[in-house]
Amino acid sequence: DAQEFRRFNNATVPLIRLGTRIFTTGQTLSARAETAHFGPEALKAVTPTWRIVDRDGKTMMAGALPVRDIARGKGQALGTIEASLAGLPAPAVYTLVLDLGDAGFSNQWSFWLYPAATGAHIPPDVLVTASWEAARARLNGGGKVLFLSGAPENPTRDLALTTTPIFWNRLMNPSRTWMLGLLNASGHGALGGFPTEDNCDWQWVDLLPKTTAMNMEALPPDLTPVVQPIDDWNRNLRLSMLFECQAGKGRLMVTSFDLSDAGVAAKPAAAALRRSVLDYMASPRFTPQHRLTLAALDAWAPTRYVAPVIPTSPPAASDVADP
């Protein structure tokens, strides 16, 4: 709305320099506060204040920076915000708000907080494996499996995801990937411990480098992914990074995020996502609505990283129909 838009598009805008949006409870948030001020005259005796609020708008921490005058111009330092995150509940999403006192200007930034120690416990009735043969055997016996689909042996750029969407479309910039963001089932139980909205945000961006989407076109169209990359409209494949189904006599969750031991050790967000998925799978809520045969998954698994090839240059003028 207009009030939100004025936070970052105004004659005067509070700013911060923040190295990451992903934190653990063992860290301290450190942000350099600045402002860009192009109002009609300097601001006198401004007291910048900051606060950290939770998703419900409750203030969890607050503080103030030194009083100062603000001249016209950009990049004017206001001081450094330091906040220990040890006492905040996690996992959770918070908002850092910076106000310029009585001047009436404010701006805000979301960040994600995860436990410093997520816990590597795997429920005894869940098999976590990167081997489809092992996954198949457990499913055939009626068990529960988290299949780490991982990265393909020969990665294809056509299904690789990056942190920056393509500009306009693939045909105009063939050197970029196909990704146009994520569509998340934010209310799904598998994401219950991984705060998210329906769209891609910084907590997902932390997980995307060196990942490859799975091509779901060979599976039934009513099998809806929990996390679905949005493909470029020139191709419009149904893709997935996380989905569930009943398979054989068992229940299956498949992901191509790196939720291996090495992956979760390197990224707090990955550790939190694996913990969230495993807690869901260990609960009575893990009752996938869609059923696939093991034969269908056998046929799909070797082809999940295969994408059709389409031209990477616009059609010739002679090939375009006259409207």
C-alpha atoms as a PDB file:
ATOM      1  CA  ASP A   1       0.000   0.000   0.000  1.00  0.00           C
ATOM      2  CA  ALA A   2       1.004   3.635  -0.131  1.00  0.00           C
ATOM      3  CA  GLN A   3       2.423   3.696   3.395  1.00  0.00           C
ATOM      4  CA  GLU A   4       4.673   0.697   2.699  1.00  0.00           C
ATOM      5  CA  PHE A   5       5.815   2.166  -0.608  1.00  0.00           C
ATOM      6  CA  ARG A   6       6.823   5.439   1.045  1.00  0.00           C
ATOM      7  CA  ARG A   7       9.206   3.556   3.339  1.00  0.00           C
ATOM      8  CA  PHE A   8      11.699   2.983   0.523  1.00  0.00           C
ATOM      9  CA  ASN A   9      10.579   5.560  -2.063  1.00  0.00           C
ATOM     10  CA  ASN A  10      10.525   8.974  -0.467  1.00  0.00           C
ATOM     11  CA  ALA A  11      12.452  12.228  -0.092  1.00  0.00           C
ATOM     12  CA  THR A  12      14.055  10.687   3.001  1.00  0.00           C
ATOM     13  CA  VAL A  13      14.763   6.959   3.362  1.00  0.00           C
ATOM     14  CA  PRO A  14      16.360   5.167   6.343  1.00  0.00           C
ATOM     15  CA  LEU A  15      18.754   2.431   5.155  1.00  0.00           C
ATOM     16  CA  ILE A  16      20.867  -0.364   6.611  1.00  0.00           C
ATOM     17  CA  ARG A  17      23.826  -2.408   5.419  1.00  0.00           C
ATOM     18  CA  LEU A  18      23.246  -6.017   6.449  1.00  0.00           C
ATOM     19  CA  GLY A  19      25.505  -8.849   5.297  1.00  0.00           C
ATOM     20  CA  THR A  20      22.887 -11.586   5.542  1.00  0.00           C
ATOM     21  CA  ARG A  21      19.206 -12.175   6.222  1.00  0.00           C
ATOM     22  CA  ILE A  22      19.832 -15.604   7.791  1.00  0.00           C
ATOM     23  CA  PHE A  23      20.870 -15.869  11.456  1.00  0.00           C
ATOM     24  CA  THR A  24      21.024 -18.379  14.289  1.00  0.00           C
ATOM     25  CA  THR A  25      20.329 -17.796  17.958  1.00  0.00           C
ATOM     26  CA  GLY A  26      24.063 -18.039  18.557  1.00  0.00           C
ATOM     27  CA  GLN A  27      24.742 -14.888  16.562  1.00  0.00           C
ATOM     28  CA  THR A  28      24.509 -11.126  16.989  1.00  0.00           C
ATOM     29  CA  LEU A  29      22.756  -9.025  14.375  1.00  0.00           C
ATOM     30  CA  SER A  30      25.027  -6.162  13.335  1.00  0.00           C
ATOM     31  CA  ALA A  31      23.699  -3.595  10.875  1.00  0.00           C
ATOM     32  CA  ARG A  32      25.142  -0.233   9.831  1.00  0.00           C
ATOM     33  CA  ALA A  33      22.369   2.349   9.732  1.00  0.00           C
ATOM     34  CA  GLU A  34      22.394   5.120   7.129  1.00  0.00           C
ATOM     35  CA  THR A  35      20.003   7.506   5.470  1.00  0.00           C
ATOM     36  CA  ALA A  36      19.479   9.209   2.149  1.00  0.00           C
ATOM     37  CA  HIS A  37      17.893  12.629   2.681  1.00  0.00           C
ATOM     38  CA  PHE A  38      16.809  14.919  -0.157  1.00  0.00           C
ATOM     39  CA  GLY A  39      14.099  16.917   1.568  1.00  0.00           C
ATOM     40  CA  PRO A  40      13.965  20.709   1.287  1.00  0.00           C
ATOM     41  CA  GLU A  41      16.260  21.305   4.272  1.00  0.00           C
ATOM     42  CA  ALA A  42      18.441  19.536   6.843  1.00  0.00           C
ATOM     43  CA  LEU A  43      16.833  17.589   9.698  1.00  0.00           C
ATOM     44  CA  LYS A  44      17.844  18.822  13.141  1.00  0.00           C
ATOM     45  CA  ALA A  45      18.485  16.733  16.288  1.00  0.00           C
ATOM     46  CA  VAL A  46      17.157  13.446  14.963  1.00  0.00           C
ATOM     47  CA  THR A  47      17.183  10.406  17.280  1.00  0.00           C
ATOM     48  CA  PRO A  48      17.216   7.240  15.123  1.00  0.00           C
ATOM     49  CA  THR A  49      15.518   4.315  16.865  1.00  0.00           C
ATOM     50  CA  TRP A  50      15.353   0.655  15.948  1.00  0.00           C
ATOM     51  CA  ARG A  51      13.246  -2.302  16.986  1.00  0.00           C
ATOM     52  CA  ILE A  52      12.892  -5.981  16.146  1.00  0.00           C
ATOM     53  CA  VAL A  53       9.291  -7.149  15.837  1.00  0.00           C
ATOM     54  CA  ASP A  54       7.823 -10.610  15.380  1.00  0.00           C
ATOM     55  CA  ARG A  55       5.301 -11.723  12.766  1.00  0.00           C
ATOM     56  CA  ASP A  56       2.421 -10.470  14.944  1.00  0.00           C
ATOM     57  CA  GLY A  57       3.970  -7.014  15.261  1.00  0.00           C
ATOM     58  CA  LYS A  58       5.120  -7.457  18.883  1.00  0.00           C
ATOM     59  CA  THR A  59       8.324  -5.594  19.713  1.00  0.00           C
ATOM     60  CA  MET A  60      10.928  -8.097  20.927  1.00  0.00           C
ATOM     61  CA  MET A  61      13.972  -5.773  21.175  1.00  0.00           C
ATOM     62  CA  ALA A  62      14.557  -2.043  20.774  1.00  0.00           C
ATOM     63  CA  GLY A  63      17.254   0.582  20.999  1.00  0.00           C
ATOM     64  CA  ALA A  64      18.389   4.045  19.914  1.00  0.00           C
ATOM     65  CA  LEU A  65      21.336   5.504  18.024  1.00  0.00           C
ATOM     66  CA  PRO A  66      23.084   8.804  18.824  1.00  0.00           C
ATOM     67  CA  VAL A  67      21.228  12.065  18.225  1.00  0.00           C
ATOM     68  CA  ARG A  68      22.470  13.865  15.133  1.00  0.00           C
ATOM     69  CA  ASP A  69      21.640  16.369  12.443  1.00  0.00           C
ATOM     70  CA  ILE A  70      20.986  14.972   8.966  1.00  0.00           C
ATOM     71  CA  ALA A  71      22.135  17.104   6.053  1.00  0.00           C
ATOM     72  CA  ARG A  72      20.875  16.761   2.499  1.00  0.00           C
ATOM     73  CA  GLY A  73      22.638  13.921   0.693  1.00  0.00           C
ATOM     74  CA  LYS A  74      23.035  10.143   0.581  1.00  0.00           C
ATOM     75  CA  GLY A  75      25.081   7.559   2.459  1.00  0.00           C
ATOM     76  CA  GLN A  76      24.984   9.413   5.781  1.00  0.00           C
ATOM     77  CA  ALA A  77      26.008   7.098   8.632  1.00  0.00           C
ATOM     78  CA  LEU A  78      23.698   6.963  11.654  1.00  0.00           C
ATOM     79  CA  GLY A  79      25.526   4.362  13.724  1.00  0.00           C
ATOM     80  CA  THR A  80      25.573   0.576  14.157  1.00  0.00           C
ATOM     81  CA  ILE A  81      22.684  -1.546  15.404  1.00  0.00           C
ATOM     82  CA  GLU A  82      23.892  -4.436  17.602  1.00  0.00           C
ATOM     83  CA  ALA A  83      21.408  -7.023  18.857  1.00  0.00           C
ATOM     84  CA  SER A  84      22.143 -10.412  20.424  1.00  0.00           C
ATOM     85  CA  LEU A  85      19.591 -12.899  19.069  1.00  0.00           C
ATOM     86  CA  ALA A  86      20.055 -15.520  21.791  1.00  0.00           C
ATOM     87  CA  GLY A  87      16.799 -14.727  23.589  1.00  0.00           C
ATOM     88  CA  LEU A  88      14.474 -14.749  20.574  1.00  0.00           C
ATOM     89  CA  PRO A  89      12.253 -17.768  19.818  1.00  0.00           C
ATOM     90  CA  ALA A  90      13.336 -19.701  16.721  1.00  0.00           C
ATOM     91  CA  PRO A  91      12.681 -20.727  14.027  1.00  0.00           C
ATOM     92  CA  ALA A  92      10.881 -17.517  13.180  1.00  0.00           C
ATOM     93  CA  VAL A  93      10.843 -14.564  10.831  1.00  0.00           C
ATOM     94  CA  TYR A  94      11.417 -11.117  12.319  1.00  0.00           C
ATOM     95  CA  THR A  95      11.440  -7.554  11.031  1.00  0.00           C
ATOM     96  CA  LEU A  96      14.089  -4.964  11.788  1.00  0.00           C
ATOM     97  CA  VAL A  97      12.523  -1.479  11.791  1.00  0.00           C
ATOM     98  CA  LEU A  98      14.544   1.752  11.635  1.00  0.00           C
ATOM     99  CA  ASP A  99      12.772   5.044  12.444  1.00  0.00           C
ATOM    100  CA  LEU A 100      14.112   8.578  12.173  1.00  0.00           C
ATOM    101  CA  GLY A 101      12.509   9.789  15.387  1.00  0.00           C
ATOM    102  CA  ASP A 102      10.024  12.626  15.097  1.00  0.00           C
ATOM    103  CA  ALA A 103      10.973  13.212  11.465  1.00  0.00           C
ATOM    104  CA  GLY A 104       8.385  10.572  10.578  1.00  0.00           C
ATOM    105  CA  PHE A 105      10.457   8.413   8.213  1.00  0.00           C
ATOM    106  CA  SER A 106      10.732   4.659   8.656  1.00  0.00           C
ATOM    107  CA  ASN A 107      11.956   1.561   6.806  1.00  0.00           C
ATOM    108  CA  GLN A 108      12.004  -2.165   7.553  1.00  0.00           C
ATOM    109  CA  TRP A 109      13.711  -5.440   6.561  1.00  0.00           C
ATOM    110  CA  SER A 110      12.787  -9.064   7.245  1.00  0.00           C
ATOM    111  CA  PHE A 111      15.293 -11.603   8.529  1.00  0.00           C
ATOM    112  CA  TRP A 112      15.061 -15.286   9.467  1.00  0.00           C
ATOM    113  CA  LEU A 113      16.257 -16.787  12.731  1.00  0.00           C
ATOM    114  CA  TYR A 114      17.018 -20.481  13.275  1.00  0.00           C
ATOM    115  CA  PRO A 115      18.177 -22.408  16.362  1.00  0.00           C
ATOM    116  CA  ALA A 116      21.947 -22.534  16.780  1.00  0.00           C
ATOM    117  CA  ALA A 117      21.650 -26.308  17.258  1.00  0.00           C
ATOM    118  CA  THR A 118      18.784 -27.791  15.265  1.00  0.00           C
ATOM    119  CA  GLY A 119      19.447 -31.419  16.175  1.00  0.00           C
ATOM    120  CA  ALA A 120      20.373 -34.205  13.796  1.00  0.00           C
ATOM    121  CA  HIS A 121      17.922 -36.769  15.223  1.00  0.00           C
ATOM    122  CA  ILE A 122      16.204 -38.832  12.548  1.00  0.00           C
ATOM    123  CA  PRO A 123      12.909 -40.469  13.576  1.00  0.00           C
ATOM    124  CA  PRO A 124      13.409 -44.255  13.822  1.00  0.00           C
ATOM    125  CA  ASP A 125      10.590 -44.959  11.391  1.00  0.00           C
ATOM    126  CA  VAL A 126      11.955 -42.642   8.663  1.00  0.00           C
ATOM    127  CA  LEU A 127      14.710 -43.612   6.229  1.00  0.00           C
ATOM    128  CA  VAL A 128      16.767 -40.713   4.871  1.00  0.00           C
ATOM    129  CA  THR A 129      18.655 -41.839   1.800  1.00  0.00           C
ATOM    130  CA  ALA A 130      20.108 -40.696  -1.510  1.00  0.00           C
ATOM    131  CA  SER A 131      19.799 -44.240  -2.925  1.00  0.00           C
ATOM    132  CA  TRP A 132      16.646 -44.923  -4.899  1.00  0.00           C
ATOM    133  CA  GLU A 133      17.211 -48.667  -4.501  1.00  0.00           C
ATOM    134  CA  ALA A 134      17.235 -48.335  -0.701  1.00  0.00           C
ATOM    135  CA  ALA A 135      14.234 -46.007  -0.826  1.00  0.00           C
ATOM    136  CA  ARG A 136      12.324 -48.442  -3.018  1.00  0.00           C
ATOM    137  CA  ALA A 137      12.974 -51.365  -0.704  1.00  0.00           C
ATOM    138  CA  ARG A 138      11.734 -49.457   2.353  1.00  0.00           C
ATOM    139  CA  LEU A 139       8.632 -48.240   0.498  1.00  0.00           C
ATOM    140  CA  ASN A 140       7.874 -51.743  -0.689  1.00  0.00           C
ATOM    141  CA  GLY A 141       7.884 -52.812   2.946  1.00  0.00           C
ATOM    142  CA  GLY A 142       5.466 -50.069   4.002  1.00  0.00           C
ATOM    143  CA  GLY A 143       7.995 -47.623   5.480  1.00  0.00           C
ATOM    144  CA  LYS A 144       8.497 -43.865   5.319  1.00  0.00           C
ATOM    145  CA  VAL A 145      11.293 -42.391   3.194  1.00  0.00           C
ATOM    146  CA  LEU A 146      12.876 -38.989   2.714  1.00  0.00           C
ATOM    147  CA  PHE A 147      14.583 -39.410  -0.647  1.00  0.00           C
ATOM    148  CA  LEU A 148      17.410 -36.933  -1.191  1.00  0.00           C
ATOM    149  CA  SER A 149      17.187 -36.629  -4.932  1.00  0.00           C
ATOM    150  CA  GLY A 150      20.368 -34.542  -4.911  1.00  0.00           C
ATOM    151  CA  ALA A 151      22.145 -33.100  -7.923  1.00  0.00           C
ATOM    152  CA  PRO A 152      22.319 -34.945 -11.261  1.00  0.00           C
ATOM    153  CA  GLU A 153      25.570 -36.622 -12.246  1.00  0.00           C
ATOM    154  CA  ASN A 154      25.704 -34.391 -15.314  1.00  0.00           C
ATOM    155  CA  PRO A 155      23.993 -31.138 -14.247  1.00  0.00           C
ATOM    156  CA  THR A 156      21.858 -29.489 -16.877  1.00  0.00           C
ATOM    157  CA  ARG A 157      21.717 -25.713 -16.944  1.00  0.00           C
ATOM    158  CA  ASP A 158      18.151 -25.962 -18.232  1.00  0.00           C
ATOM    159  CA  LEU A 159      16.871 -27.043 -14.783  1.00  0.00           C
ATOM    160  CA  ALA A 160      19.430 -25.309 -12.569  1.00  0.00           C
ATOM    161  CA  LEU A 161      18.103 -22.695 -10.149  1.00  0.00           C
ATOM    162  CA  THR A 162      19.776 -19.432  -9.206  1.00  0.00           C
ATOM    163  CA  THR A 163      19.103 -16.580  -6.838  1.00  0.00           C
ATOM    164  CA  THR A 164      18.286 -14.148  -9.644  1.00  0.00           C
ATOM    165  CA  PRO A 165      15.326 -14.662 -12.028  1.00  0.00           C
ATOM    166  CA  ILE A 166      15.755 -14.219 -15.752  1.00  0.00           C
ATOM    167  CA  PHE A 167      15.010 -10.856 -17.300  1.00  0.00           C
ATOM    168  CA  TRP A 168      11.791 -10.842 -19.318  1.00  0.00           C
ATOM    169  CA  ASN A 169      12.116 -14.324 -20.798  1.00  0.00           C
ATOM    170  CA  ARG A 170      14.578 -17.041 -21.788  1.00  0.00           C
ATOM    171  CA  LEU A 171      14.647 -16.256 -25.487  1.00  0.00           C
ATOM    172  CA  MET A 172      15.858 -12.705 -24.885  1.00  0.00           C
ATOM    173  CA  ASN A 173      18.654 -13.776 -22.530  1.00  0.00           C
ATOM    174  CA  PRO A 174      19.650 -17.409 -23.185  1.00  0.00           C
ATOM    175  CA  SER A 175      22.668 -17.267 -20.865  1.00  0.00           C
ATOM    176  CA  ARG A 176      20.413 -17.146 -17.788  1.00  0.00           C
ATOM    177  CA  THR A 177      18.319 -19.844 -16.137  1.00  0.00           C
ATOM    178  CA  TRP A 178      14.603 -20.479 -16.511  1.00  0.00           C
ATOM    179  CA  MET A 179      13.586 -19.716 -12.951  1.00  0.00           C
ATOM    180  CA  LEU A 180      10.939 -17.077 -12.208  1.00  0.00           C
ATOM    181  CA  GLY A 181      10.721 -17.630  -8.446  1.00  0.00           C
ATOM    182  CA  LEU A 182       9.048 -20.202  -6.206  1.00  0.00           C
ATOM    183  CA  LEU A 183       5.451 -21.114  -5.424  1.00  0.00           C
ATOM    184  CA  ASN A 184       5.332 -22.544  -1.889  1.00  0.00           C
ATOM    185  CA  ALA A 185       2.498 -24.348  -0.133  1.00  0.00           C
ATOM    186  CA  SER A 186       3.156 -22.215   2.954  1.00  0.00           C
ATOM    187  CA  GLY A 187       0.451 -23.931   5.014  1.00  0.00           C
ATOM    188  CA  HIS A 188       1.790 -27.435   4.366  1.00  0.00           C
ATOM    189  CA  GLY A 189       2.887 -29.425   7.415  1.00  0.00           C
ATOM    190  CA  ALA A 190       6.338 -30.078   5.946  1.00  0.00           C
ATOM    191  CA  LEU A 191       7.029 -26.317   6.198  1.00  0.00           C
ATOM    192  CA  GLY A 192       5.589 -25.933   9.684  1.00  0.00           C
ATOM    193  CA  GLY A 193       9.035 -25.384  11.204  1.00  0.00           C
ATOM    194  CA  PHE A 194      10.347 -23.346   8.287  1.00  0.00           C
ATOM    195  CA  PRO A 195       8.595 -19.950   8.285  1.00  0.00           C
ATOM    196  CA  THR A 196       7.656 -18.928   4.759  1.00  0.00           C
ATOM    197  CA  GLU A 197       5.115 -17.133   2.645  1.00  0.00           C
ATOM    198  CA  ASP A 198       3.827 -18.496  -0.666  1.00  0.00           C
ATOM    199  CA  ASN A 199       6.585 -16.686  -2.560  1.00  0.00           C
ATOM    200  CA  CYS A 200      10.367 -16.984  -2.683  1.00  0.00           C
ATOM    201  CA  ASP A 201      12.227 -14.907  -0.106  1.00  0.00           C
ATOM    202  CA  TRP A 202      15.700 -14.677   1.403  1.00  0.00           C
ATOM    203  CA  GLN A 203      15.458 -17.896   3.435  1.00  0.00           C
ATOM    204  CA  TRP A 204      14.918 -19.805   0.161  1.00  0.00           C
ATOM    205  CA  VAL A 205      17.580 -17.803  -1.673  1.00  0.00           C
ATOM    206  CA  ASP A 206      20.051 -19.153   0.890  1.00  0.00           C
ATOM    207  CA  LEU A 207      19.230 -22.713  -0.295  1.00  0.00           C
ATOM    208  CA  LEU A 208      19.090 -22.219  -4.068  1.00  0.00           C
ATOM    209  CA  PRO A 209      22.731 -22.061  -5.246  1.00  0.00           C
ATOM    210  CA  LYS A 210      23.890 -25.265  -6.973  1.00  0.00           C
ATOM    211  CA  THR A 211      20.416 -26.814  -6.909  1.00  0.00           C
ATOM    212  CA  THR A 212      18.549 -28.411  -9.795  1.00  0.00           C
ATOM    213  CA  ALA A 213      14.783 -28.629 -10.120  1.00  0.00           C
ATOM    214  CA  MET A 214      13.041 -31.929 -10.768  1.00  0.00           C
ATOM    215  CA  ASN A 215      10.940 -32.243 -13.923  1.00  0.00           C
ATOM    216  CA  MET A 216       7.472 -33.478 -12.899  1.00  0.00           C
ATOM    217  CA  GLU A 217       5.906 -33.628 -16.358  1.00  0.00           C
ATOM    218  CA  ALA A 218       5.964 -37.453 -16.464  1.00  0.00           C
ATOM    219  CA  LEU A 219       4.004 -37.713 -13.188  1.00  0.00           C
ATOM    220  CA  PRO A 220       0.227 -37.159 -12.765  1.00  0.00           C
ATOM    221  CA  PRO A 221      -0.760 -33.492 -13.141  1.00  0.00           C
ATOM    222  CA  ASP A 222      -2.706 -33.466  -9.856  1.00  0.00           C
ATOM    223  CA  LEU A 223       0.493 -34.213  -7.894  1.00  0.00           C
ATOM    224  CA  THR A 224       1.148 -30.715  -6.550  1.00  0.00           C
ATOM    225  CA  PRO A 225       4.647 -29.943  -5.223  1.00  0.00           C
ATOM    226  CA  VAL A 226       5.150 -28.458  -1.768  1.00  0.00           C
ATOM    227  CA  VAL A 227       7.873 -26.200  -3.226  1.00  0.00           C
ATOM    228  CA  GLN A 228       7.543 -25.500  -6.949  1.00  0.00           C
ATOM    229  CA  PRO A 229       9.973 -23.444  -9.041  1.00  0.00           C
ATOM    230  CA  ILE A 230       8.142 -21.286 -11.578  1.00  0.00           C
ATOM    231  CA  ASP A 231       9.365 -22.015 -15.079  1.00  0.00           C
ATOM    232  CA  ASP A 232       9.761 -19.479 -17.878  1.00  0.00           C
ATOM    233  CA  TRP A 233       6.573 -19.184 -19.927  1.00  0.00           C
ATOM    234  CA  ASN A 234       8.313 -20.226 -23.139  1.00  0.00           C
ATOM    235  CA  ARG A 235       8.616 -23.730 -21.718  1.00  0.00           C
ATOM    236  CA  ASN A 236       6.269 -23.820 -18.699  1.00  0.00           C
ATOM    237  CA  LEU A 237       7.354 -27.130 -17.220  1.00  0.00           C
ATOM    238  CA  ARG A 238       5.874 -28.353 -13.952  1.00  0.00           C
ATOM    239  CA  LEU A 239       8.905 -28.428 -11.661  1.00  0.00           C
ATOM    240  CA  SER A 240       9.500 -29.370  -8.037  1.00  0.00           C
ATOM    241  CA  MET A 241      12.013 -29.043  -5.229  1.00  0.00           C
ATOM    242  CA  LEU A 242       9.898 -30.879  -2.642  1.00  0.00           C
ATOM    243  CA  PHE A 243       6.882 -33.177  -3.013  1.00  0.00           C
ATOM    244  CA  GLU A 244       5.176 -36.082  -1.242  1.00  0.00           C
ATOM    245  CA  CYS A 245       3.131 -39.110  -2.247  1.00  0.00           C
ATOM    246  CA  GLN A 246       2.090 -42.568  -1.205  1.00  0.00           C
ATOM    247  CA  ALA A 247       4.345 -45.040  -2.994  1.00  0.00           C
ATOM    248  CA  GLY A 248       3.927 -48.809  -3.003  1.00  0.00           C
ATOM    249  CA  LYS A 249       2.950 -49.682   0.566  1.00  0.00           C
ATOM    250  CA  GLY A 250       4.775 -46.712   2.069  1.00  0.00           C
ATOM    251  CA  ARG A 251       4.927 -42.936   2.164  1.00  0.00           C
ATOM    252  CA  LEU A 252       7.518 -40.856   0.348  1.00  0.00           C
ATOM    253  CA  MET A 253       8.924 -37.322   0.515  1.00  0.00           C
ATOM    254  CA  VAL A 254      11.308 -36.277  -2.272  1.00  0.00           C
ATOM    255  CA  THR A 255      13.560 -33.201  -2.314  1.00  0.00           C
ATOM    256  CA  SER A 256      16.344 -31.868  -4.500  1.00  0.00           C
ATOM    257  CA  PHE A 257      17.453 -29.340  -1.882  1.00  0.00           C
ATOM    258  CA  ASP A 258      20.726 -30.440  -0.309  1.00  0.00           C
ATOM    259  CA  LEU A 259      19.426 -31.794   3.005  1.00  0.00           C
ATOM    260  CA  SER A 260      22.311 -34.220   3.425  1.00  0.00           C
ATOM    261  CA  ASP A 261      24.421 -34.138   6.589  1.00  0.00           C
ATOM    262  CA  ALA A 262      27.004 -32.009   4.784  1.00  0.00           C
ATOM    263  CA  GLY A 263      24.334 -29.693   3.413  1.00  0.00           C
ATOM    264  CA  VAL A 264      22.662 -29.004   6.756  1.00  0.00           C
ATOM    265  CA  ALA A 265      26.030 -28.521   8.466  1.00  0.00           C
ATOM    266  CA  ALA A 266      26.844 -25.730   6.010  1.00  0.00           C
ATOM    267  CA  LYS A 267      23.530 -23.855   6.083  1.00  0.00           C
ATOM    268  CA  PRO A 268      21.278 -23.141   9.100  1.00  0.00           C
ATOM    269  CA  ALA A 269      18.290 -22.778   6.770  1.00  0.00           C
ATOM    270  CA  ALA A 270      18.910 -26.263   5.338  1.00  0.00           C
ATOM    271  CA  ALA A 271      19.141 -27.706   8.847  1.00  0.00           C
ATOM    272  CA  ALA A 272      15.851 -26.057   9.788  1.00  0.00           C
ATOM    273  CA  LEU A 273      14.130 -27.276   6.613  1.00  0.00           C
ATOM    274  CA  ARG A 274      15.268 -30.876   7.193  1.00  0.00           C
ATOM    275  CA  ARG A 275      14.156 -30.719  10.816  1.00  0.00           C
ATOM    276  CA  SER A 276      10.764 -29.381   9.719  1.00  0.00           C
ATOM    277  CA  VAL A 277      10.313 -32.086   7.065  1.00  0.00           C
ATOM    278  CA  LEU A 278      11.387 -34.911   9.404  1.00  0.00           C
ATOM    279  CA  ASP A 279       9.138 -33.714  12.241  1.00  0.00           C
ATOM    280  CA  TYR A 280       6.236 -33.669   9.800  1.00  0.00           C
ATOM    281  CA  MET A 281       7.053 -37.154   8.511  1.00  0.00           C
ATOM    282  CA  ALA A 282       7.192 -38.513  12.073  1.00  0.00           C
ATOM    283  CA  SER A 283       3.764 -37.099  12.873  1.00  0.00           C
ATOM    284  CA  PRO A 284       0.258 -38.431  12.080  1.00  0.00           C
ATOM    285  CA  ARG A 285      -0.129 -35.517   9.646  1.00  0.00           C
ATOM    286  CA  PHE A 286       2.110 -37.257   7.109  1.00  0.00           C
ATOM    287  CA  THR A 287      -0.697 -38.710   5.004  1.00  0.00           C
ATOM    288  CA  PRO A 288      -0.014 -37.853   1.334  1.00  0.00           C
ATOM    289  CA  GLN A 289      -3.158 -37.598  -0.774  1.00  0.00           C
ATOM    290  CA  HIS A 290      -1.646 -38.824  -4.032  1.00  0.00           C
ATOM    291  CA  ARG A 291      -0.603 -42.386  -4.720  1.00  0.00           C
ATOM    292  CA  LEU A 292       2.043 -43.474  -7.223  1.00  0.00           C
ATOM    293  CA  THR A 293       3.131 -46.967  -8.122  1.00  0.00           C
ATOM    294  CA  LEU A 294       6.742 -47.918  -7.596  1.00  0.00           C
ATOM    295  CA  ALA A 295       6.876 -48.732 -11.295  1.00  0.00           C
ATOM    296  CA  ALA A 296       5.885 -45.145 -12.148  1.00  0.00           C
ATOM    297  CA  LEU A 297       8.617 -43.806  -9.844  1.00  0.00           C
ATOM    298  CA  ASP A 298      11.126 -46.277 -11.297  1.00  0.00           C
ATOM    299  CA  ALA A 299      10.442 -44.831 -14.741  1.00  0.00           C
ATOM    300  CA  TRP A 300      10.509 -41.228 -13.522  1.00  0.00           C
ATOM    301  CA  ALA A 301      13.633 -41.304 -11.336  1.00  0.00           C
ATOM    302  CA  PRO A 302      16.234 -41.586 -14.148  1.00  0.00           C
ATOM    303  CA  THR A 303      14.527 -38.835 -16.154  1.00  0.00           C
ATOM    304  CA  ARG A 304      13.797 -36.300 -13.382  1.00  0.00           C
ATOM    305  CA  TYR A 305      16.626 -34.011 -14.443  1.00  0.00           C
ATOM    306  CA  VAL A 306      15.910 -34.152 -18.172  1.00  0.00           C
ATOM    307  CA  ALA A 307      14.362 -31.091 -19.820  1.00  0.00           C
ATOM    308  CA  PRO A 308      13.211 -30.618 -23.412  1.00  0.00           C
ATOM    309  CA  VAL A 309      15.384 -28.428 -25.585  1.00  0.00           C
ATOM    310  CA  ILE A 310      13.723 -25.381 -27.091  1.00  0.00           C
ATOM    311  CA  PRO A 311      15.265 -22.708 -29.338  1.00  0.00           C
ATOM    312  CA  THR A 312      17.304 -20.047 -27.565  1.00  0.00           C
ATOM    313  CA  SER A 313      16.819 -17.354 -30.197  1.00  0.00           C
ATOM    314  CA  PRO A 314      13.641 -15.557 -31.256  1.00  0.00           C
ATOM    315  CA  PRO A 315      11.878 -16.830 -34.410  1.00  0.00           C
ATOM    316  CA  ALA A 316      12.660 -15.171 -37.693  1.00  0.00           C
ATOM    317  CA  ALA A 317      10.298 -12.428 -38.784  1.00  0.00           C
ATOM    318  CA  SER A 318       9.052 -14.633 -41.622  1.00  0.00           C
ATOM    319  CA  ASP A 319       7.935 -17.263 -39.070  1.00  0.00           C
ATOM    320  CA  VAL A 320       5.753 -14.869 -37.087  1.00  0.00           C
ATOM    321  CA  ALA A 321       2.117 -14.802 -38.121  1.00  0.00           C
ATOM    322  CA  ASP A 322       0.605 -11.459 -39.039  1.00  0.00           C
ATOM    323  CA  PRO A 323      -1.950 -10.608 -36.338  1.00  0.00           C
END
